[in-house]
């Protein structure tokens, strides 16, 4: 799966970091950035994306189809 963060939507709540710290971190602007999406299972990645209150995390399958949100 592929993951990206819509930085315009991200408000820096940090749920994604709490759920998947090997995938996400907050940068100096308190916005989430992707580190390594392959470091967790697909289920864990989706759980982290679903934890974002702003739906700022976009998950796509390997063919580029949007899976979440």
Protein backbone atom coordinates (compact mmCIF):
# COMPACT_ATOMS: atom_id res chain seq x y z
CA UNK A 1 0.00 0.00 0.00
CA UNK A 2 0.97 3.59 -0.57
CA UNK A 3 0.27 6.38 1.87
CA UNK A 4 0.46 10.15 1.69
CA UNK A 5 -0.54 13.05 3.89
CA UNK A 6 -2.59 16.01 2.71
CA UNK A 7 -0.63 18.68 4.56
CA UNK A 8 -3.39 21.24 4.01
CA UNK A 9 -5.78 19.05 6.03
CA UNK A 10 -3.30 17.87 8.68
CA UNK A 11 -3.70 19.71 11.99
CA UNK A 12 -0.95 17.88 13.86
CA UNK A 13 -3.15 15.93 16.28
CA UNK A 14 -0.62 13.09 16.13
CA UNK A 15 -2.94 10.08 16.27
CA UNK A 16 -1.14 8.62 13.27
CA UNK A 17 2.18 8.82 15.12
CA UNK A 18 0.66 7.13 18.17
CA UNK A 19 -0.74 4.28 16.05
CA UNK A 20 2.23 3.86 13.69
CA UNK A 21 5.39 5.69 14.84
CA UNK A 22 7.55 3.85 12.31
CA UNK A 23 5.36 5.22 9.50
CA UNK A 24 4.57 8.78 10.59
CA UNK A 25 6.25 11.61 12.45
CA UNK A 26 5.39 15.25 13.00
CA UNK A 27 7.77 17.71 11.40
CA UNK A 28 8.85 21.17 12.59
CA UNK A 29 5.54 22.62 11.33
CA UNK A 30 3.61 20.02 13.37
CA UNK A 31 2.43 18.30 10.20
CA UNK A 32 2.58 14.55 9.64
CA UNK A 33 5.12 13.18 7.20
CA UNK A 34 5.49 9.61 5.96
CA UNK A 35 8.62 7.71 6.94
CA UNK A 36 8.18 4.06 5.89
CA UNK A 37 4.72 2.77 4.99
CA UNK A 38 6.07 -0.76 4.56
CA UNK A 39 7.18 -0.98 8.20
CA UNK A 40 3.69 -2.04 9.38
CA UNK A 41 0.96 -4.34 8.13
CA UNK A 42 -1.77 -3.05 5.84
CA UNK A 43 -4.26 -3.35 8.71
CA UNK A 44 -2.06 -1.24 11.00
CA UNK A 45 -1.61 1.35 8.25
CA UNK A 46 -5.36 1.62 7.73
CA UNK A 47 -5.95 1.87 11.48
CA UNK A 48 -3.52 4.78 11.68
CA UNK A 49 -5.18 6.49 8.71
CA UNK A 50 -8.63 6.00 10.22
CA UNK A 51 -7.43 7.56 13.49
CA UNK A 52 -6.91 10.93 11.77
CA UNK A 53 -9.81 13.24 12.70
CA UNK A 54 -9.20 15.35 9.58
CA UNK A 55 -8.99 12.45 7.08
CA UNK A 56 -5.64 13.87 6.00
CA UNK A 57 -4.07 10.45 5.43
CA UNK A 58 -4.72 8.97 2.01
CA UNK A 59 -4.09 5.26 1.49
CA UNK A 60 -3.89 3.68 -1.96
CA UNK A 61 -3.48 0.07 -2.99
CA UNK A 62 -0.55 -1.00 -5.14
CA UNK A 63 -2.50 -0.21 -8.32
CA UNK A 64 -3.12 3.39 -7.21
CA UNK A 65 -6.77 2.95 -6.23
CA UNK A 66 -7.74 4.99 -3.20
CA UNK A 67 -8.62 2.71 -0.29
CA UNK A 68 -9.08 5.37 2.40
CA UNK A 69 -10.77 7.79 2.97
